[in-house]
Amino acid sequence: MIAWKRAALLGFASWLIPFVISFFVFPLKRTNAPLFETLMTLIVLVTAGALFQLYFRRRALSVHEALLVGLLWLAVNLVMDYPMFAYGPMKMRVWAYYSEIGLGYLTYPAFGFWASRLARRGGT
């Protein structure tokens, strides 16, 4: 059974942590855009690993639950981004947003699913 409060709070953290870090690495976007994109992908991936570890601390690991929590975090990230990228200072067209940022959030359900499957197998 999903711990909804924990999942929602960690979902917010899954958005906030990369968002805050992005301010420090954003100057790279102008000088070396591929490096910026790579760093942001790694930041999201490391954030996913750390937050899934927190979510499943003292909980039985479930592949189904990990996938659902990852999908929730995907939704939280898209909802939190929407005001800034639809209306705010970083306004972008929908296609540009999804191709540059939004699809990257698929990392959360993908990581949750595959890491939990690997952990359930015992790493063999």
Protein backbone atom coordinates (compact mmCIF):
# COMPACT_ATOMS: atom_id res chain seq x y z
CA MET A 1 0.00 0.00 0.00
CA ILE A 2 1.35 3.39 -0.96
CA ALA A 3 2.31 5.74 1.86
CA TRP A 4 0.64 8.71 0.16
CA LYS A 5 1.86 11.44 2.51
CA ARG A 6 5.47 10.22 2.31
CA ALA A 7 5.20 9.77 -1.46
CA ALA A 8 3.75 13.27 -1.95
CA LEU A 9 6.37 14.95 0.25
CA LEU A 10 9.19 13.12 -1.47
CA GLY A 11 7.55 13.93 -4.81
CA PHE A 12 7.81 17.60 -3.94
CA ALA A 13 11.46 17.04 -3.00
CA SER A 14 11.98 15.29 -6.36
CA TRP A 15 11.04 18.55 -8.00
CA LEU A 16 12.65 20.99 -5.53
CA ILE A 17 16.14 19.43 -5.34
CA PRO A 18 16.89 19.54 -9.09
CA PHE A 19 15.17 22.93 -9.37
CA VAL A 20 17.42 24.48 -6.71
CA ILE A 21 20.58 22.87 -8.08
CA SER A 22 19.69 24.03 -11.59
CA PHE A 23 20.16 27.65 -10.50
CA PHE A 24 23.81 26.92 -9.71
CA VAL A 25 24.55 25.15 -13.00
CA PHE A 26 22.32 27.27 -15.24
CA PRO A 27 25.18 29.52 -16.46
CA LEU A 28 26.51 26.42 -18.24
CA LYS A 29 23.43 26.37 -20.46
CA ARG A 30 24.76 29.36 -22.41
CA THR A 31 28.39 28.26 -22.60
CA ASN A 32 28.02 24.47 -22.83
CA ALA A 33 24.40 23.35 -23.28
CA PRO A 34 25.20 19.61 -23.65
CA LEU A 35 27.12 19.64 -20.35
CA PHE A 36 24.20 21.41 -18.66
CA GLU A 37 21.74 18.81 -19.97
CA THR A 38 23.99 15.94 -18.88
CA LEU A 39 24.42 17.39 -15.40
CA MET A 40 20.69 17.90 -15.00
CA THR A 41 20.00 14.33 -16.10
CA LEU A 42 22.52 13.05 -13.56
CA ILE A 43 21.03 15.28 -10.85
CA VAL A 44 17.54 13.89 -11.51
CA LEU A 45 18.89 10.32 -11.53
CA VAL A 46 20.80 10.74 -8.26
CA THR A 47 17.77 12.46 -6.72
CA ALA A 48 15.58 9.54 -7.80
CA GLY A 49 17.93 7.01 -6.22
CA ALA A 50 18.18 8.90 -2.95
CA LEU A 51 14.45 9.56 -2.67
CA PHE A 52 13.43 5.98 -3.50
CA GLN A 53 15.83 4.84 -0.80
CA LEU A 54 14.12 7.20 1.65
CA TYR A 55 10.66 6.15 0.52
CA PHE A 56 11.33 2.45 1.03
CA ARG A 57 13.22 2.86 4.31
CA ARG A 58 11.60 0.47 6.79
CA ARG A 59 9.10 -0.63 4.13
CA ALA A 60 8.84 -3.82 2.11
CA LEU A 61 10.05 -3.30 -1.44
CA SER A 62 7.36 -3.63 -4.10
CA VAL A 63 7.96 -3.25 -7.83
CA HIS A 64 4.34 -2.20 -8.34
CA GLU A 65 4.54 0.39 -5.57
CA ALA A 66 7.87 1.74 -6.86
CA LEU A 67 6.36 2.20 -10.31
CA LEU A 68 3.28 3.96 -8.92
CA VAL A 69 5.37 6.23 -6.70
CA GLY A 70 7.57 7.06 -9.69
CA LEU A 71 4.49 7.93 -11.74
CA LEU A 72 3.25 10.14 -8.89
CA TRP A 73 6.60 11.93 -8.82
CA LEU A 74 6.42 12.38 -12.58
CA ALA A 75 3.01 14.02 -12.17
CA VAL A 76 4.18 16.21 -9.27
CA ASN A 77 7.13 17.46 -11.32
CA LEU A 78 4.97 18.28 -14.32
CA VAL A 79 2.40 20.10 -12.15
CA MET A 80 5.07 22.07 -10.29
CA ASP A 81 6.77 23.08 -13.55
CA TYR A 82 3.56 24.10 -15.31
CA PRO A 83 3.13 27.64 -13.89
CA MET A 84 6.76 28.60 -14.56
CA PHE A 85 6.99 27.22 -18.05
CA ALA A 86 3.47 28.06 -19.21
CA TYR A 87 3.17 31.57 -17.78
CA GLY A 88 6.22 32.49 -15.73
CA PRO A 89 9.66 33.88 -16.38
CA MET A 90 10.83 30.74 -18.21
CA LYS A 91 7.86 30.59 -20.57
CA MET A 92 8.25 27.95 -23.28
CA ARG A 93 6.07 26.36 -25.91
CA VAL A 94 4.63 23.01 -24.84
CA TRP A 95 6.66 21.00 -27.34
CA ALA A 96 9.89 22.75 -26.30
CA TYR A 97 9.14 22.10 -22.61
CA TYR A 98 8.52 18.39 -23.08
CA SER A 99 11.49 17.90 -25.40
CA GLU A 100 13.92 19.82 -23.15
CA ILE A 101 12.63 19.11 -19.64
CA GLY A 102 9.37 17.22 -19.23
CA LEU A 103 10.41 13.88 -20.73
CA GLY A 104 13.38 13.79 -18.37
CA TYR A 105 10.98 13.28 -15.49
CA LEU A 106 10.21 9.83 -16.88
CA THR A 107 13.41 8.97 -15.02
CA TYR A 108 11.39 8.64 -11.81
CA PRO A 109 9.04 5.81 -12.82
CA ALA A 110 11.70 4.13 -14.97
CA PHE A 111 14.28 4.19 -12.18
CA GLY A 112 11.74 3.06 -9.58
CA PHE A 113 10.60 0.14 -11.71
CA TRP A 114 13.98 -1.19 -12.80
CA ALA A 115 15.84 -0.57 -9.53
CA SER A 116 13.10 -2.30 -7.53
CA ARG A 117 13.13 -5.27 -9.92
CA LEU A 118 16.88 -5.55 -9.52
CA ALA A 119 16.66 -5.26 -5.73
CA ARG A 120 13.91 -7.91 -5.57
CA ARG A 121 16.16 -10.28 -7.50
CA GLY A 122 18.89 -9.71 -4.95
CA GLY A 123 21.20 -8.28 -7.58
CA THR A 124 21.70 -11.61 -9.38
